[in-house]
């Protein structure tokens, strides 16, 4: 049971709600009254008090419809008409109840107020339209005055021109010539059309732009190596240096390894040219080619200062990259420095050392491994250069098995004991497995990468295969480098300055 204070608080809140809504339902009022005082006199007195407070009480029989109508009215619904005409229908229970409760006059007055507000808003809209029309009319009047002034001015000018025309017409009554010379004509010295100079300049500019665009396109599409820095970044190997491209342009087609096609020396002229290249480091020790070989030789020795590699394998990713020429030239440089050096041709599939030395292919390393010759019989010496060498020997189809045999390992160990430096030529790494076998048996591997030729993905694949076999990768070098074109590219390594220092190597000093 609620206390009197709580009941009083609920009645006070109900009255506040009734003041906000303007009405209360019959059930809402009777629910708060004790059963003992729900007599008609007590209710009449309570309803009178609520009526004095401006609160209407709606009976329970029609409470739902009246509650809905009044709620829609309090929400401002536009489609609800609470005028007397809207509820003044015969036998309408809401009408009858509202009349009984005295609510119809109140609702009628509210409807009239709404109608008055609508009429007021309509009049305000009409007034706004009239004011806008008046402003437009004022602007149009101003424009009309301006046009009138312009018309008056033009009329005055027309009258002045007409008067002047009549005066001139009267003066021309006397016969006069039909034409007069305003300026003398002259003979042109050049055609007025087409503009040849302009067309020439435009064509020159357009061709220059096209040329620059083609150059950039070629550079973007170029997937080869153009600098040592590029080589280091792409492969992750130490860049040992470059081997310049050399050749005698007097010979037809250039020297063997300057040819643009994949070509092996077959004619006597081509073989002679290849031999001249092979011995270039010996015949011209002050050339840029010889200096390039020396720089790489120093790089190989510097790869391990405490224990420099003495047995080096030279390989490449593809054929025609100049590894055989470099291998032989490296042996010549080492022999020239006073070290007892031997060059071994382990490219048993396509050997070239015997061609460079213009000697017989057999007996060689294949014959020794097949017990057809002794080690002493296959080791030869070039009296001219002091370089020892071993050729490939007889042709064989078992090159991988021979290189993987224990006999070959023992042969290498014997050579290491007898010689200060061993340089070994091998087949291309991606073509056959021979190079992978040899790489695991030497002190270090040097990868030859042809400048402007070898594709980057092939070089990276070659490095990946060597690293997979856990071999000692000494570094990589750029071979067959065209120094002039290399300098034109403007790369940042030392060979960028070729044009300035080439004479330093090729011109003998004054006595």
Protein backbone atom coordinates (compact mmCIF):
# COMPACT_ATOMS: atom_id res chain seq x y z
CA UNK A 1 0.00 0.00 0.00
CA UNK A 2 1.22 3.46 -0.86
CA UNK A 3 1.56 6.11 1.84
CA UNK A 4 -0.41 9.37 1.71
CA UNK A 5 2.76 11.27 0.69
CA UNK A 6 3.40 8.89 -2.22
CA UNK A 7 -0.26 9.01 -3.28
CA UNK A 8 -0.17 12.81 -3.12
CA UNK A 9 2.97 12.85 -5.25
CA UNK A 10 1.31 10.66 -7.91
CA UNK A 11 -1.80 12.93 -7.96
CA UNK A 12 0.44 16.00 -8.34
CA UNK A 13 2.36 14.36 -11.22
CA UNK A 14 -0.97 13.40 -12.87
CA UNK A 15 -2.16 17.00 -12.67
CA UNK A 16 1.12 18.17 -14.24
CA UNK A 17 0.66 15.65 -17.06
CA UNK A 18 -2.94 16.84 -17.54
CA UNK A 19 -1.80 20.44 -17.80
CA UNK A 20 0.74 19.50 -20.49
CA UNK A 21 -1.75 17.39 -22.51
CA UNK A 22 -4.90 19.48 -21.84
CA UNK A 23 -6.89 16.41 -20.83
CA UNK A 24 -6.86 13.24 -18.65
CA UNK A 25 -8.61 9.92 -19.12
CA UNK A 26 -11.30 8.86 -16.68
CA UNK A 27 -9.45 5.68 -15.80
CA UNK A 28 -6.22 7.57 -15.13
CA UNK A 29 -8.01 9.68 -12.52
CA UNK A 30 -9.99 6.93 -10.78
CA UNK A 31 -6.93 4.63 -10.49
CA UNK A 32 -5.31 7.09 -8.10
CA UNK A 33 -8.39 7.47 -5.83
CA UNK A 34 -9.08 5.15 -2.90
CA UNK A 35 -12.16 2.95 -3.38
CA UNK A 36 -13.89 4.63 -0.45
CA UNK A 37 -14.11 8.04 -2.17
CA UNK A 38 -15.10 7.02 -5.70
CA UNK A 39 -18.65 8.32 -5.16
CA UNK A 40 -20.27 10.55 -7.72
CA UNK A 41 -20.10 13.60 -5.39
CA UNK A 42 -16.39 13.09 -4.74
CA UNK A 43 -15.67 12.54 -8.41
CA UNK A 44 -17.77 15.57 -9.36
CA UNK A 45 -15.80 17.69 -6.98
CA UNK A 46 -12.50 16.34 -8.31
CA UNK A 47 -13.53 16.86 -11.97
CA UNK A 48 -14.60 20.44 -11.11
CA UNK A 49 -11.17 21.07 -9.57
CA UNK A 50 -9.43 19.66 -12.63
CA UNK A 51 -11.70 21.71 -14.92
CA UNK A 52 -10.73 24.89 -13.04
CA UNK A 53 -7.12 23.92 -13.66
CA UNK A 54 -7.82 23.72 -17.44
CA UNK A 55 -7.77 19.91 -17.58
CA UNK A 56 -10.51 17.99 -19.40
CA UNK A 57 -11.47 14.47 -18.22
CA UNK A 58 -12.48 12.03 -20.97
CA UNK A 59 -14.83 9.11 -20.10
CA UNK A 60 -13.80 5.47 -20.38
CA UNK A 61 -16.37 4.58 -23.08
CA UNK A 62 -14.92 6.92 -25.74
CA UNK A 63 -11.46 7.31 -24.24
CA UNK A 64 -9.61 5.47 -26.99
CA UNK A 65 -10.92 7.55 -29.94
CA UNK A 66 -10.84 10.87 -28.13
CA UNK A 67 -7.38 10.06 -26.77
CA UNK A 68 -6.22 9.38 -30.37
CA UNK A 69 -7.78 12.58 -31.74
CA UNK A 70 -6.34 14.78 -29.04
CA UNK A 71 -2.89 13.17 -29.26
CA UNK A 72 -2.80 13.76 -33.02
CA UNK A 73 -3.91 17.32 -32.41
CA UNK A 74 -1.22 17.90 -29.78
CA UNK A 75 1.40 16.42 -32.23
CA UNK A 76 0.45 19.03 -34.86
CA UNK A 77 -0.96 16.61 -37.45
CA UNK A 78 -1.98 18.44 -40.64
CA UNK A 79 -4.70 15.97 -41.59
CA UNK A 80 -6.74 16.38 -38.33
CA UNK A 81 -9.64 18.86 -38.38
CA UNK A 82 -11.12 19.52 -34.92
CA UNK A 83 -13.56 22.20 -35.99
CA UNK A 84 -17.21 21.87 -35.03
CA UNK A 85 -18.06 20.76 -38.55
CA UNK A 86 -15.67 17.84 -38.31
CA UNK A 87 -17.28 16.41 -35.18
CA UNK A 88 -20.82 17.65 -35.63
CA UNK A 89 -22.21 14.47 -37.12
CA UNK A 90 -25.48 12.82 -36.01
CA UNK A 91 -25.22 9.86 -33.65
CA UNK A 92 -21.40 10.28 -33.40
CA UNK A 93 -20.52 8.93 -29.93
CA UNK A 94 -17.43 11.11 -29.77
CA UNK A 95 -19.53 14.17 -30.60
CA UNK A 96 -22.14 13.22 -27.99
CA UNK A 97 -19.50 12.59 -25.37
CA UNK A 98 -17.58 15.76 -26.13
CA UNK A 99 -20.76 17.76 -25.93
CA UNK A 100 -21.54 16.15 -22.59
CA UNK A 101 -18.03 16.95 -21.37
CA UNK A 102 -18.21 20.52 -22.74
CA UNK A 103 -15.19 19.93 -24.98
CA UNK A 104 -16.76 20.90 -28.34
CA UNK A 105 -16.53 24.64 -27.79
CA UNK A 106 -12.90 24.28 -26.79
CA UNK A 107 -12.07 22.20 -29.88
CA UNK A 108 -14.08 24.57 -32.09
CA UNK A 109 -12.09 27.54 -30.84
CA UNK A 110 -8.85 25.67 -31.48
CA UNK A 111 -9.95 24.86 -35.05
CA UNK A 112 -10.81 28.48 -35.67
CA UNK A 113 -7.41 29.50 -34.41
CA UNK A 114 -5.79 27.05 -36.79
CA UNK A 115 -7.87 28.36 -39.71
CA UNK A 116 -6.87 31.90 -38.80
CA UNK A 117 -3.21 30.89 -38.71
CA UNK A 118 -3.48 29.26 -42.14
CA UNK A 119 -5.12 32.35 -43.57
CA UNK A 120 -2.47 34.54 -42.00
CA UNK A 121 0.31 32.39 -43.53
CA UNK A 122 -1.41 32.53 -46.95
CA UNK A 123 -1.63 36.31 -46.77
CA UNK A 124 2.02 36.52 -45.75
CA UNK A 125 3.02 34.41 -48.75
CA UNK A 126 0.99 36.59 -51.10
CA UNK A 127 2.57 39.68 -49.58
CA UNK A 128 6.04 38.24 -50.12
CA UNK A 129 5.25 37.49 -53.77
CA UNK A 130 3.96 41.03 -54.31
CA UNK A 131 7.07 42.51 -52.72
CA UNK A 132 9.30 40.34 -54.99
CA UNK A 133 7.31 41.39 -58.04
CA UNK A 134 7.63 45.03 -57.04
CA UNK A 135 11.43 44.71 -56.74
CA UNK A 136 11.65 43.08 -60.20
CA UNK A 137 9.45 45.81 -61.64
CA UNK A 138 11.75 48.49 -60.18
CA UNK A 139 14.79 46.82 -61.73
CA UNK A 140 13.05 46.62 -65.09
CA UNK A 141 12.16 50.31 -64.91
CA UNK A 142 15.81 51.17 -64.28
CA UNK A 143 16.88 49.07 -67.29
CA UNK A 144 14.19 50.75 -69.39
CA UNK A 145 15.57 54.18 -68.51
CA UNK A 146 19.11 53.06 -69.42
CA UNK A 147 17.93 51.70 -72.77
CA UNK A 148 15.99 54.89 -73.43
CA UNK A 149 19.12 56.97 -72.81
CA UNK A 150 21.13 54.75 -75.17
CA UNK A 151 18.43 55.04 -77.83
CA UNK A 152 18.45 58.83 -77.53
CA UNK A 153 22.25 58.87 -77.82
CA UNK A 154 22.19 56.62 -80.91
CA UNK A 155 19.50 58.78 -82.46
CA UNK A 156 21.65 61.86 -82.00
CA UNK A 157 24.70 60.13 -83.53
CA UNK A 158 22.60 58.92 -86.46
CA UNK A 159 21.35 62.42 -87.17
CA UNK A 160 24.92 63.79 -87.05
CA UNK A 161 26.17 61.07 -89.44
CA UNK A 162 23.25 61.67 -91.77
CA UNK A 163 24.00 65.39 -91.87
CA UNK A 164 27.69 64.70 -92.57
CA UNK A 165 26.76 62.23 -95.33
CA UNK A 166 24.55 64.75 -97.04
CA UNK A 167 27.33 67.35 -96.89
CA UNK A 168 29.88 64.96 -98.43
CA UNK A 169 27.43 63.83 -101.10
CA UNK A 170 26.85 67.42 -102.10
CA UNK A 171 30.57 68.08 -102.39
CA UNK A 172 31.13 64.98 -104.59
CA UNK A 173 28.88 66.28 -107.30
CA UNK A 174 32.04 67.16 -109.19
CA UNK A 175 33.60 64.21 -111.15
CA UNK A 176 36.58 62.58 -109.32
CA UNK A 177 38.85 59.57 -109.91
CA UNK A 178 37.60 56.14 -108.88
CA UNK A 179 40.90 55.04 -107.26
CA UNK A 180 43.99 56.41 -105.60
CA UNK A 181 47.36 55.02 -104.52
CA UNK A 182 47.55 54.46 -100.81
CA UNK A 183 50.95 52.66 -100.71
CA UNK A 184 53.35 51.39 -103.38
CA UNK A 185 53.61 47.61 -104.00
CA UNK A 186 56.94 45.75 -103.59
CA UNK A 187 58.37 42.49 -104.91
CA UNK A 188 58.46 39.79 -102.14
CA UNK A 189 61.81 38.12 -101.42
CA UNK A 190 60.39 34.94 -99.86
CA UNK A 191 57.13 33.01 -100.13
CA UNK A 192 54.47 33.93 -97.62
CA UNK A 193 53.29 30.32 -97.38
CA UNK A 194 54.21 27.70 -96.27
CA UNK A 195 56.42 28.85 -93.36
CA UNK A 196 59.41 26.62 -94.02
CA UNK A 197 61.45 27.77 -91.03
CA UNK A 198 58.54 27.21 -88.66
CA UNK A 199 57.88 23.75 -90.12
CA UNK A 200 61.58 22.88 -89.84
CA UNK A 201 61.77 23.96 -86.20
CA UNK A 202 58.57 22.09 -85.36
CA UNK A 203 59.85 18.93 -87.06
CA UNK A 204 63.18 19.25 -85.27
CA UNK A 205 61.49 19.65 -81.90
CA UNK A 206 59.10 16.77 -82.53
CA UNK A 207 61.86 14.43 -83.67
CA UNK A 208 63.91 15.35 -80.61
CA UNK A 209 61.01 14.57 -78.29
CA UNK A 210 60.38 11.27 -80.07
CA UNK A 211 64.07 10.37 -79.79
CA UNK A 212 64.18 11.16 -76.09
CA UNK A 213 61.00 9.16 -75.56
CA UNK A 214 62.43 6.17 -77.40
CA UNK A 215 65.62 6.36 -75.34
CA UNK A 216 63.67 6.34 -72.09
CA UNK A 217 61.50 3.50 -73.37
CA UNK A 218 64.56 1.44 -74.27
CA UNK A 219 66.06 2.11 -70.84
CA UNK A 220 62.86 1.05 -69.10
CA UNK A 221 62.61 -2.14 -71.14
CA UNK A 222 66.32 -2.92 -70.73
CA UNK A 223 66.57 -5.90 -68.39
CA UNK A 224 70.34 -6.24 -68.52
CA UNK A 225 73.18 -4.90 -66.36
CA UNK A 226 74.79 -1.56 -67.14
CA UNK A 227 76.89 -0.75 -64.07
CA UNK A 228 78.71 -2.39 -61.18
CA UNK A 229 76.35 -0.73 -58.71
CA UNK A 230 73.40 -2.21 -60.54
CA UNK A 231 75.13 -5.62 -60.52
CA UNK A 232 75.70 -5.50 -56.75
CA UNK A 233 72.10 -4.49 -55.99
CA UNK A 234 70.58 -7.14 -58.26
CA UNK A 235 72.73 -10.11 -57.26
CA UNK A 236 73.91 -9.19 -53.76
CA UNK A 237 77.49 -10.12 -54.73
CA UNK A 238 80.64 -8.08 -54.46
CA UNK A 239 81.33 -6.33 -57.78
CA UNK A 240 84.95 -7.17 -58.61
CA UNK A 241 85.28 -4.94 -61.69
CA UNK A 242 84.78 -4.84 -65.45
CA UNK A 243 86.45 -6.50 -68.43
CA UNK A 244 86.49 -4.06 -71.36
CA UNK A 245 85.48 -5.17 -74.82
CA UNK A 246 88.40 -5.06 -77.23
CA UNK A 247 88.76 -5.78 -80.91
CA UNK A 248 90.41 -5.03 -84.21
CA UNK A 249 87.83 -3.31 -86.40
CA UNK A 250 90.09 -3.85 -89.39
CA UNK A 251 89.23 -7.54 -89.36
CA UNK A 252 85.94 -8.37 -91.03
CA UNK A 253 83.02 -8.45 -88.66
CA UNK A 254 85.17 -7.46 -85.69
CA UNK A 255 86.77 -9.87 -83.27
CA UNK A 256 85.16 -13.09 -82.15
CA UNK A 257 83.56 -11.86 -78.95
CA UNK A 258 82.38 -8.58 -80.44
CA UNK A 259 79.97 -10.32 -82.75
CA UNK A 260 76.30 -9.55 -82.16
CA UNK A 261 75.20 -13.12 -82.89
CA UNK A 262 75.85 -16.24 -80.89
CA UNK A 263 78.72 -17.58 -82.92
CA UNK A 264 81.67 -19.86 -82.37
CA UNK A 265 84.89 -19.26 -84.21
CA UNK A 266 85.03 -21.58 -87.18
CA UNK A 267 87.07 -19.90 -89.90
CA UNK A 268 90.81 -19.40 -89.63
CA UNK A 269 90.32 -15.63 -89.59
CA UNK A 270 87.92 -15.81 -86.66
CA UNK A 271 90.18 -18.19 -84.73
CA UNK A 272 93.15 -15.87 -85.25
CA UNK A 273 91.11 -12.92 -84.02
CA UNK A 274 90.04 -14.85 -80.90
CA UNK A 275 93.64 -15.82 -80.15
CA UNK A 276 94.69 -12.18 -80.48
CA UNK A 277 92.13 -11.25 -77.86
CA UNK A 278 93.20 -14.08 -75.53
CA UNK A 279 96.83 -12.91 -75.54
CA UNK A 280 95.97 -9.19 -75.36
CA UNK A 281 96.76 -8.98 -71.65
CA UNK A 282 100.23 -10.39 -72.45
CA UNK A 283 100.98 -8.46 -75.66
CA UNK A 284 99.67 -5.11 -74.34
CA UNK A 285 100.02 -5.16 -70.53
CA UNK A 286 99.34 -1.41 -70.22
CA UNK A 287 95.95 -1.52 -71.93
CA UNK A 288 92.63 -0.93 -70.20
CA UNK A 289 91.82 -4.60 -70.82
CA UNK A 290 94.91 -5.74 -68.90
CA UNK A 291 94.23 -3.25 -66.10
CA UNK A 292 90.66 -4.52 -65.83
CA UNK A 293 91.93 -8.10 -65.40
CA UNK A 294 94.45 -6.93 -62.75
CA UNK A 295 91.73 -5.10 -60.80
CA UNK A 296 89.59 -8.23 -60.70
CA UNK A 297 92.61 -10.31 -59.69
CA UNK A 298 93.25 -7.94 -56.80
CA UNK A 299 89.56 -8.14 -55.85
CA UNK A 300 89.75 -11.93 -55.73
CA UNK A 301 92.82 -11.83 -53.47
CA UNK A 302 91.19 -9.18 -51.24
CA UNK A 303 88.08 -11.29 -50.67
CA UNK A 304 89.96 -13.15 -47.93
CA UNK A 305 93.12 -11.35 -46.79
CA UNK A 306 94.16 -14.03 -44.31
CA UNK A 307 93.64 -16.96 -46.69
CA UNK A 308 93.24 -15.74 -50.30
CA UNK A 309 91.56 -18.26 -52.62
CA UNK A 310 94.10 -20.09 -54.79
CA UNK A 311 91.75 -22.25 -56.85
CA UNK A 312 89.17 -20.12 -58.71
CA UNK A 313 86.25 -21.31 -60.82
CA UNK A 314 85.01 -18.91 -63.52
CA UNK A 315 81.41 -19.51 -64.64
CA UNK A 316 78.44 -17.63 -66.07
CA UNK A 317 74.67 -17.94 -66.34
CA UNK A 318 74.57 -18.14 -70.15
CA UNK A 319 76.98 -18.87 -73.02
CA UNK A 320 78.78 -16.12 -74.95
CA UNK A 321 79.55 -14.03 -71.84
CA UNK A 322 83.36 -14.02 -72.19
CA UNK A 323 84.25 -16.28 -69.25
CA UNK A 324 86.75 -18.40 -71.22
CA UNK A 325 88.70 -15.34 -72.44
CA UNK A 326 88.71 -13.95 -68.91
CA UNK A 327 89.80 -17.27 -67.40
CA UNK A 328 92.80 -17.47 -69.75
CA UNK A 329 93.64 -13.75 -69.32
CA UNK A 330 93.51 -14.10 -65.53
CA UNK A 331 96.04 -16.94 -65.78
CA UNK A 332 98.32 -14.74 -67.92
CA UNK A 333 98.16 -11.88 -65.39
CA UNK A 334 98.93 -14.23 -62.49
CA UNK A 335 101.82 -15.83 -64.39
CA UNK A 336 103.19 -12.39 -65.29
CA UNK A 337 103.24 -11.49 -61.59
CA UNK A 338 105.68 -14.36 -60.93
CA UNK A 339 103.24 -16.87 -59.48
CA UNK A 340 103.26 -20.42 -60.76
CA UNK A 341 99.83 -20.53 -62.40
CA UNK A 342 97.88 -23.16 -64.32
CA UNK A 343 94.71 -22.72 -66.41
CA UNK A 344 92.42 -25.76 -66.52
CA UNK A 345 89.68 -26.21 -69.12
CA UNK A 346 86.84 -28.06 -67.38
CA UNK A 347 84.25 -27.11 -69.99
CA UNK A 348 84.27 -30.70 -71.25
CA UNK A 349 81.25 -30.17 -73.48
CA UNK A 350 82.47 -27.17 -75.52
CA UNK A 351 86.14 -26.60 -74.62
CA UNK A 352 88.01 -23.57 -75.96
CA UNK A 353 91.44 -23.45 -74.23
CA UNK A 354 93.14 -25.55 -76.90
CA UNK A 355 91.78 -23.18 -79.57
CA UNK A 356 93.13 -20.12 -77.75
CA UNK A 357 96.57 -21.72 -77.50
CA UNK A 358 96.39 -23.20 -81.01
CA UNK A 359 97.30 -26.65 -79.74
CA UNK A 360 95.86 -30.16 -79.68
CA UNK A 361 92.82 -30.95 -77.55
CA UNK A 362 94.20 -34.30 -76.38
CA UNK A 363 95.63 -35.54 -74.17
CA UNK A 364 93.72 -33.63 -71.54
CA UNK A 365 91.82 -33.91 -68.29
CA UNK A 366 89.32 -36.45 -69.66
CA UNK A 367 92.15 -38.73 -70.73
CA UNK A 368 93.77 -38.48 -67.30
CA UNK A 369 90.52 -39.30 -65.49
CA UNK A 370 89.98 -42.27 -67.81
CA UNK A 371 93.54 -43.54 -67.14
CA UNK A 372 94.63 -42.96 -70.74
CA UNK A 373 97.26 -40.41 -69.71
CA UNK A 374 99.16 -39.39 -66.59
CA UNK A 375 98.96 -36.01 -64.90
CA UNK A 376 102.47 -35.16 -66.07
CA UNK A 377 101.48 -35.89 -69.67
CA UNK A 378 98.49 -33.53 -69.70
CA UNK A 379 100.23 -30.54 -68.05
CA UNK A 380 101.75 -28.23 -70.66
CA UNK A 381 103.55 -24.92 -70.44
CA UNK A 382 103.51 -21.87 -72.72
CA UNK A 383 107.12 -20.83 -73.03
CA UNK A 384 106.09 -17.39 -74.29
CA UNK A 385 103.93 -16.50 -71.28
CA UNK A 386 105.10 -18.92 -68.59
CA UNK A 387 101.53 -20.12 -68.05
CA UNK A 388 100.84 -23.80 -67.42
CA UNK A 389 97.61 -25.26 -68.82
CA UNK A 390 95.52 -28.42 -69.09
CA UNK A 391 93.13 -28.87 -72.01
CA UNK A 392 89.79 -30.66 -71.87
CA UNK A 393 91.00 -33.76 -73.66
CA UNK A 394 88.95 -36.26 -75.63
CA UNK A 395 85.24 -35.81 -76.13
CA UNK A 396 83.04 -37.53 -73.56
CA UNK A 397 79.39 -37.94 -72.67
CA UNK A 398 80.13 -38.56 -69.00
CA UNK A 399 81.43 -35.11 -68.06
CA UNK A 400 79.35 -34.78 -64.88
CA UNK A 401 80.40 -38.23 -63.63
CA UNK A 402 84.08 -37.53 -64.32
CA UNK A 403 84.02 -34.18 -62.49
CA UNK A 404 82.20 -35.74 -59.55
CA UNK A 405 84.67 -38.62 -59.23
CA UNK A 406 87.29 -39.01 -56.52
CA UNK A 407 90.00 -39.03 -59.19
CA UNK A 408 89.16 -35.45 -60.09
CA UNK A 409 89.23 -34.40 -56.42
CA UNK A 410 92.65 -36.01 -56.03
CA UNK A 411 93.82 -34.29 -59.23
CA UNK A 412 92.80 -30.89 -57.86
CA UNK A 413 94.54 -31.54 -54.56
CA UNK A 414 97.72 -32.45 -56.44
CA UNK A 415 97.52 -29.24 -58.50
CA UNK A 416 96.99 -27.15 -55.35
CA UNK A 417 100.18 -28.60 -53.87
CA UNK A 418 102.21 -27.92 -57.02
CA UNK A 419 100.88 -24.52 -58.20
CA UNK A 420 100.38 -21.14 -56.54
CA UNK A 421 97.21 -20.26 -58.44
CA UNK A 422 94.65 -22.34 -60.38
CA UNK A 423 91.98 -20.87 -62.64
CA UNK A 424 89.29 -23.22 -63.98
CA UNK A 425 86.95 -22.62 -66.91
CA UNK A 426 83.51 -24.25 -66.72
CA UNK A 427 80.25 -24.54 -68.72
CA UNK A 428 77.35 -22.08 -68.24
CA UNK A 429 75.76 -22.60 -64.85
CA UNK A 430 72.13 -22.73 -66.00
CA UNK A 431 72.82 -25.02 -68.96
CA UNK A 432 74.33 -28.09 -67.26
CA UNK A 433 75.19 -29.37 -63.79
CA UNK A 434 78.97 -29.44 -64.33
CA UNK A 435 79.52 -25.98 -62.84
CA UNK A 436 77.57 -26.83 -59.68
CA UNK A 437 79.82 -29.87 -59.18
CA UNK A 438 82.99 -27.87 -59.75
CA UNK A 439 81.85 -25.01 -57.50
CA UNK A 440 81.87 -27.28 -54.46
CA UNK A 441 85.49 -28.39 -55.11
CA UNK A 442 87.24 -24.99 -55.46
CA UNK A 443 88.23 -22.20 -53.08
CA UNK A 444 86.03 -19.57 -54.70
CA UNK A 445 83.66 -18.89 -57.60
CA UNK A 446 83.62 -15.80 -59.85
CA UNK A 447 80.44 -15.12 -61.84
CA UNK A 448 80.87 -13.52 -65.27
CA UNK A 449 77.96 -11.28 -66.32
CA UNK A 450 77.95 -9.81 -69.81
CA UNK A 451 77.34 -6.06 -69.95
CA UNK A 452 74.09 -5.14 -71.71
CA UNK A 453 73.32 -8.80 -72.46
CA UNK A 454 72.68 -11.04 -69.44
CA UNK A 455 69.15 -10.74 -68.12
CA UNK A 456 68.78 -9.93 -64.45
CA UNK A 457 66.52 -12.86 -63.63
CA UNK A 458 69.04 -15.34 -65.09
CA UNK A 459 71.92 -13.85 -63.10
CA UNK A 460 69.87 -14.01 -59.89
CA UNK A 461 68.95 -17.62 -60.62
CA UNK A 462 72.62 -18.49 -61.10
CA UNK A 463 73.48 -16.88 -57.75
CA UNK A 464 70.60 -18.74 -56.09
CA UNK A 465 71.88 -22.11 -57.34
CA UNK A 466 75.40 -21.42 -56.17
CA UNK A 467 74.25 -20.25 -52.73
CA UNK A 468 72.08 -23.35 -52.46
CA UNK A 469 75.23 -25.48 -52.74
CA UNK A 470 76.91 -23.41 -50.01
CA UNK A 471 79.92 -22.41 -52.10
CA UNK A 472 82.26 -19.47 -51.61
CA UNK A 473 81.00 -16.77 -53.98
CA UNK A 474 83.95 -14.40 -54.32
CA UNK A 475 82.00 -11.92 -56.47
CA UNK A 476 80.74 -11.00 -59.91
CA UNK A 477 82.18 -9.00 -62.78
CA UNK A 478 80.90 -7.28 -65.91
CA UNK A 479 82.47 -8.66 -69.09
CA UNK A 480 82.63 -7.35 -72.65
CA UNK A 481 81.93 -3.78 -71.55
CA UNK A 482 81.82 -1.15 -74.28
CA UNK A 483 83.66 1.59 -72.40
CA UNK A 484 82.59 4.44 -74.66
CA UNK A 485 78.91 3.57 -74.42
CA UNK A 486 79.38 2.86 -70.74
CA UNK A 487 80.73 6.39 -70.29
CA UNK A 488 77.85 7.88 -72.29
CA UNK A 489 75.39 6.31 -69.88
CA UNK A 490 76.98 8.34 -67.09
CA UNK A 491 77.17 5.56 -64.52
CA UNK A 492 78.89 6.37 -61.29
CA UNK A 493 81.67 3.77 -61.16
CA UNK A 494 85.28 4.51 -62.05
CA UNK A 495 84.84 3.55 -65.70
CA UNK A 496 82.59 6.57 -66.19
CA UNK A 497 85.78 8.55 -66.73
CA UNK A 498 87.07 6.32 -69.53
CA UNK A 499 87.28 9.18 -72.02
CA UNK A 500 89.69 11.02 -69.76
CA UNK A 501 92.03 8.24 -68.72
CA UNK A 502 92.21 5.77 -71.60
CA UNK A 503 95.36 7.39 -72.99
CA UNK A 504 97.00 7.02 -69.57
CA UNK A 505 97.14 3.24 -70.07
CA UNK A 506 97.79 3.11 -73.80
CA UNK A 507 100.30 5.94 -74.26
CA UNK A 508 103.86 5.20 -73.13
CA UNK A 509 105.48 7.79 -70.90
CA UNK A 510 108.20 10.08 -72.20
CA UNK A 511 111.78 9.20 -71.31
